[in-house]
C-alpha atoms as a PDB file:
ATOM      1  CA  MET A   1      -9.424  -5.121  22.373  1.00  0.00           C
ATOM      2  CA  VAL A   2      -7.482  -7.311  24.007  1.00  0.00           C
ATOM      3  CA  ARG A   3      -8.008  -7.271  27.598  1.00  0.00           C
ATOM      4  CA  THR A   4      -5.444  -9.161  30.209  1.00  0.00           C
ATOM      5  CA  SER A   5      -4.237  -9.050  33.634  1.00  0.00           C
ATOM      6  CA  ASP A   6      -0.536  -8.954  32.239  1.00  0.00           C
ATOM      7  CA  PRO A   7       1.184  -5.795  33.292  1.00  0.00           C
ATOM      8  CA  LYS A   8       3.510  -6.367  30.562  1.00  0.00           C
ATOM      9  CA  VAL A   9       0.880  -7.191  28.337  1.00  0.00           C
ATOM     10  CA  ALA A  10      -0.855  -3.873  29.572  1.00  0.00           C
ATOM     11  CA  ARG A  11       2.040  -1.677  28.666  1.00  0.00           C
ATOM     12  CA  LEU A  12       2.606  -3.377  25.833  1.00  0.00           C
ATOM     13  CA  LEU A  13      -1.047  -2.106  24.712  1.00  0.00           C
ATOM     14  CA  THR A  14      -0.271   1.884  25.658  1.00  0.00           C
ATOM     15  CA  VAL A  15       2.193   1.466  22.542  1.00  0.00           C
ATOM     16  CA  PRO A  16       0.736   2.652  18.853  1.00  0.00           C
ATOM     17  CA  LEU A  17       2.705   0.314  17.272  1.00  0.00           C
ATOM     18  CA  PHE A  18       1.304  -2.648  19.289  1.00  0.00           C
ATOM     19  CA  ALA A  19      -2.249  -1.834  20.079  1.00  0.00           C
ATOM     20  CA  LYS A  20      -3.730  -3.107  17.756  1.00  0.00           C
ATOM     21  CA  ALA A  21      -1.701  -6.792  18.232  1.00  0.00           C
ATOM     22  CA  ASP A  22      -3.900  -9.861  19.024  1.00  0.00           C
ATOM     23  CA  GLN A  23      -3.335 -11.587  22.061  1.00  0.00           C
ATOM     24  CA  HIS A  24      -1.118 -14.565  20.786  1.00  0.00           C
ATOM     25  CA  VAL A  25       1.945 -11.868  19.177  1.00  0.00           C
ATOM     26  CA  LEU A  26       1.372  -9.697  22.598  1.00  0.00           C
ATOM     27  CA  ARG A  27       2.272 -12.710  24.834  1.00  0.00           C
ATOM     28  CA  GLN A  28       5.392 -13.813  21.888  1.00  0.00           C
ATOM     29  CA  LEU A  29       6.670 -10.736  22.241  1.00  0.00           C
ATOM     30  CA  VAL A  30       6.278 -10.517  26.316  1.00  0.00           C
ATOM     31  CA  SER A  31       8.360 -13.679  26.343  1.00  0.00           C
ATOM     32  CA  ILE A  32      11.514 -11.970  24.674  1.00  0.00           C
ATOM     33  CA  VAL A  33      11.345  -8.621  26.085  1.00  0.00           C
ATOM     34  CA  GLU A  34      13.262  -7.370  29.061  1.00  0.00           C
ATOM     35  CA  GLU A  35      12.118  -4.585  31.412  1.00  0.00           C
ATOM     36  CA  ALA A  36      14.829  -1.468  32.981  1.00  0.00           C
ATOM     37  CA  SER A  37      14.662   2.030  34.473  1.00  0.00           C
ATOM     38  CA  VAL A  38      17.083   4.278  32.777  1.00  0.00           C
ATOM     39  CA  ALA A  39      18.623   7.235  34.887  1.00  0.00           C
ATOM     40  CA  PRO A  40      18.831  10.956  33.507  1.00  0.00           C
ATOM     41  CA  GLY A  41      21.955  11.844  31.435  1.00  0.00           C
ATOM     42  CA  ARG A  42      22.291   7.888  30.122  1.00  0.00           C
ATOM     43  CA  VAL A  43      22.509   7.130  26.388  1.00  0.00           C
ATOM     44  CA  LEU A  44      20.224   4.888  25.039  1.00  0.00           C
ATOM     45  CA  ILE A  45      21.146   4.969  21.852  1.00  0.00           C
ATOM     46  CA  GLU A  46      25.103   6.306  20.734  1.00  0.00           C
ATOM     47  CA  GLY A  47      25.045   7.839  17.186  1.00  0.00           C
ATOM     48  CA  GLY A  48      27.504   5.984  15.124  1.00  0.00           C
ATOM     49  CA  HIS A  49      27.775   2.482  17.346  1.00  0.00           C
ATOM     50  CA  TYR A  50      25.480  -0.467  15.863  1.00  0.00           C
ATOM     51  CA  HIS A  51      22.701  -1.429  18.669  1.00  0.00           C
ATOM     52  CA  GLN A  52      20.893  -4.838  19.247  1.00  0.00           C
ATOM     53  CA  GLU A  53      18.014  -3.753  20.521  1.00  0.00           C
ATOM     54  CA  ILE A  54      14.839  -1.776  20.432  1.00  0.00           C
ATOM     55  CA  TYR A  55      13.327   0.522  23.351  1.00  0.00           C
ATOM     56  CA  VAL A  56      10.062   1.598  23.995  1.00  0.00           C
ATOM     57  CA  ILE A  57       9.552   3.714  25.884  1.00  0.00           C
ATOM     58  CA  GLY A  58       6.870   2.986  29.071  1.00  0.00           C
ATOM     59  CA  SER A  59       7.278   6.414  30.666  1.00  0.00           C
ATOM     60  CA  GLY A  60       9.725   9.695  30.727  1.00  0.00           C
ATOM     61  CA  THR A  61      11.398  11.349  27.684  1.00  0.00           C
ATOM     62  CA  ALA A  62      14.414  11.464  26.027  1.00  0.00           C
ATOM     63  CA  SER A  63      16.285  13.935  23.993  1.00  0.00           C
ATOM     64  CA  VAL A  64      17.101  12.692  20.079  1.00  0.00           C
ATOM     65  CA  GLU A  65      20.532  13.964  19.553  1.00  0.00           C
ATOM     66  CA  ILE A  66      22.588  14.585  16.339  1.00  0.00           C
ATOM     67  CA  GLU A  67      26.171  16.239  16.637  1.00  0.00           C
ATOM     68  CA  GLY A  68      25.379  16.992  20.287  1.00  0.00           C
ATOM     69  CA  ASN A  69      22.268  19.224  19.129  1.00  0.00           C
ATOM     70  CA  GLU A  70      18.471  18.206  20.294  1.00  0.00           C
ATOM     71  CA  VAL A  71      16.732  17.777  17.279  1.00  0.00           C
ATOM     72  CA  ALA A  72      13.627  16.033  18.898  1.00  0.00           C
ATOM     73  CA  GLU A  73      11.866  14.873  22.284  1.00  0.00           C
ATOM     74  CA  VAL A  74      10.344  11.584  22.354  1.00  0.00           C
ATOM     75  CA  GLY A  75       7.913   9.984  25.381  1.00  0.00           C
ATOM     76  CA  ALA A  76       5.798   7.400  26.746  1.00  0.00           C
ATOM     77  CA  GLY A  77       4.529   5.183  23.509  1.00  0.00           C
ATOM     78  CA  GLU A  78       7.155   6.012  21.223  1.00  0.00           C
ATOM     79  CA  VAL A  79       9.712   3.316  20.239  1.00  0.00           C
ATOM     80  CA  ILE A  80      13.068   4.120  19.051  1.00  0.00           C
ATOM     81  CA  GLY A  81      15.974   1.837  17.615  1.00  0.00           C
ATOM     82  CA  GLU A  82      13.964   0.121  15.214  1.00  0.00           C
ATOM     83  CA  LEU A  83      15.339   1.513  12.104  1.00  0.00           C
ATOM     84  CA  GLY A  84      18.511  -0.066  12.894  1.00  0.00           C
ATOM     85  CA  PHE A  85      16.610  -3.200  13.064  1.00  0.00           C
ATOM     86  CA  PHE A  86      15.542  -2.803   9.636  1.00  0.00           C
ATOM     87  CA  VAL A  87      19.097  -1.499   8.022  1.00  0.00           C
ATOM     88  CA  ARG A  88      21.544  -3.113  10.463  1.00  0.00           C
ATOM     89  CA  GLY A  89      23.294   0.301  10.489  1.00  0.00           C
ATOM     90  CA  PRO A  90      24.787   2.564  12.881  1.00  0.00           C
ATOM     91  CA  ALA A  91      22.363   4.749  14.860  1.00  0.00           C
ATOM     92  CA  SER A  92      22.112   8.278  13.218  1.00  0.00           C
ATOM     93  CA  ALA A  93      21.518  10.053  16.284  1.00  0.00           C
ATOM     94  CA  THR A  94      22.096   9.563  19.993  1.00  0.00           C
ATOM     95  CA  VAL A  95      19.049   9.087  22.348  1.00  0.00           C
ATOM     96  CA  ARG A  96      19.205  10.224  26.222  1.00  0.00           C
ATOM     97  CA  ALA A  97      17.418   9.918  28.925  1.00  0.00           C
ATOM     98  CA  LYS A  98      16.107  13.229  29.906  1.00  0.00           C
ATOM     99  CA  THR A  99      14.490  11.845  32.508  1.00  0.00           C
ATOM    100  CA  THR A 100      13.877   8.882  34.378  1.00  0.00           C
ATOM    101  CA  LEU A 101      12.697   6.549  31.941  1.00  0.00           C
ATOM    102  CA  GLU A 102      11.101   3.303  32.267  1.00  0.00           C
ATOM    103  CA  VAL A 103      12.189   1.293  28.924  1.00  0.00           C
ATOM    104  CA  VAL A 104      10.989  -2.136  27.288  1.00  0.00           C
ATOM    105  CA  ILE A 105      13.761  -3.665  25.583  1.00  0.00           C
ATOM    106  CA  VAL A 106      13.480  -5.748  22.344  1.00  0.00           C
ATOM    107  CA  PRO A 107      16.319  -7.919  21.472  1.00  0.00           C
ATOM    108  CA  TYR A 108      17.079  -7.741  17.297  1.00  0.00           C
ATOM    109  CA  ASN A 109      17.915 -11.372  17.676  1.00  0.00           C
ATOM    110  CA  ARG A 110      14.693 -12.660  19.079  1.00  0.00           C
ATOM    111  CA  PHE A 111      12.391  -9.458  17.430  1.00  0.00           C
ATOM    112  CA  ASP A 112      13.146 -11.205  13.651  1.00  0.00           C
ATOM    113  CA  GLU A 113      11.663 -14.467  15.256  1.00  0.00           C
ATOM    114  CA  VAL A 114       8.529 -12.688  16.414  1.00  0.00           C
ATOM    115  CA  LEU A 115       8.304 -10.996  12.728  1.00  0.00           C
ATOM    116  CA  ASP A 116       8.855 -14.037  10.962  1.00  0.00           C
ATOM    117  CA  ASN A 117       5.937 -15.802  12.970  1.00  0.00           C
ATOM    118  CA  ASN A 118       3.666 -12.441  12.677  1.00  0.00           C
ATOM    119  CA  PRO A 119       3.885 -10.695   9.296  1.00  0.00           C
ATOM    120  CA  GLU A 120       0.489  -8.257  10.577  1.00  0.00           C
ATOM    121  CA  LEU A 121       3.371  -7.148  13.288  1.00  0.00           C
ATOM    122  CA  LEU A 122       5.725  -6.061  10.215  1.00  0.00           C
ATOM    123  CA  ARG A 123       3.057  -4.332   8.328  1.00  0.00           C
ATOM    124  CA  ALA A 124       2.365  -2.376  11.643  1.00  0.00           C
ATOM    125  CA  ILE A 125       5.576  -1.360  11.632  1.00  0.00           C
ATOM    126  CA  ALA A 126       6.233  -0.809   8.433  1.00  0.00           C
ATOM    127  CA  THR A 127       2.905   1.993   8.475  1.00  0.00           C
ATOM    128  CA  ASP A 128       4.308   3.599  11.717  1.00  0.00           C
ATOM    129  CA  LEU A 129       7.698   4.036  10.187  1.00  0.00           C
ATOM    130  CA  ALA A 130       6.058   5.832   6.876  1.00  0.00           C
ATOM    131  CA  ALA A 131       3.713   7.943   8.729  1.00  0.00           C
ATOM    132  CA  ARG A 132       6.672   9.346  10.490  1.00  0.00           C
ATOM    133  CA  LEU A 133       8.718   9.939   7.940  1.00  0.00           C
ATOM    134  CA  ARG A 134       5.807  11.734   6.101  1.00  0.00           C
ATOM    135  CA  ALA A 135       5.875  13.919   9.019  1.00  0.00           C
ATOM    136  CA  ALA A 136       9.475  14.497   9.211  1.00  0.00           C
ATOM    137  CA  ASP A 137       9.177  15.583   5.301  1.00  0.00           C
ATOM    138  CA  ARG A 138       6.415  17.944   6.456  1.00  0.00           C
ATOM    139  CA  GLN A 139       8.934  19.790   8.725  1.00  0.00           C
ATOM    140  CA  LEU A 140      11.561  20.285   5.928  1.00  0.00           C
ATOM    141  CA  PRO A 141      12.291  23.724   4.300  1.00  0.00           C
END
């Protein structure tokens, strides 16, 4: 387990996607991310539009909406916007803050660099996406 006094690294370690990353990968991530507070009601990702970031929710909750209907809720430790990173297409859903959110923002163009140098992180992302897809399949009638 990585031990750190850096608060950004500590936050990233709470995200399952990054929890097993080594110190080197975490330091690279910290060098490219921004942190922000998002007010309730604000849209982070607009369905049908292109966006350029991945968001890691540090605290708070957000709704995932399709055609104005909430289909899911996401919260602390969850990652949103990562599908757009891989597909480079418009977002399939709108993500709106339900409460004040504390987020870490990872810009796509900088994340590419980190993944190129750390294929183990790409494997972790693929594993996470596959698990979420499997869970979604189980919810189908």
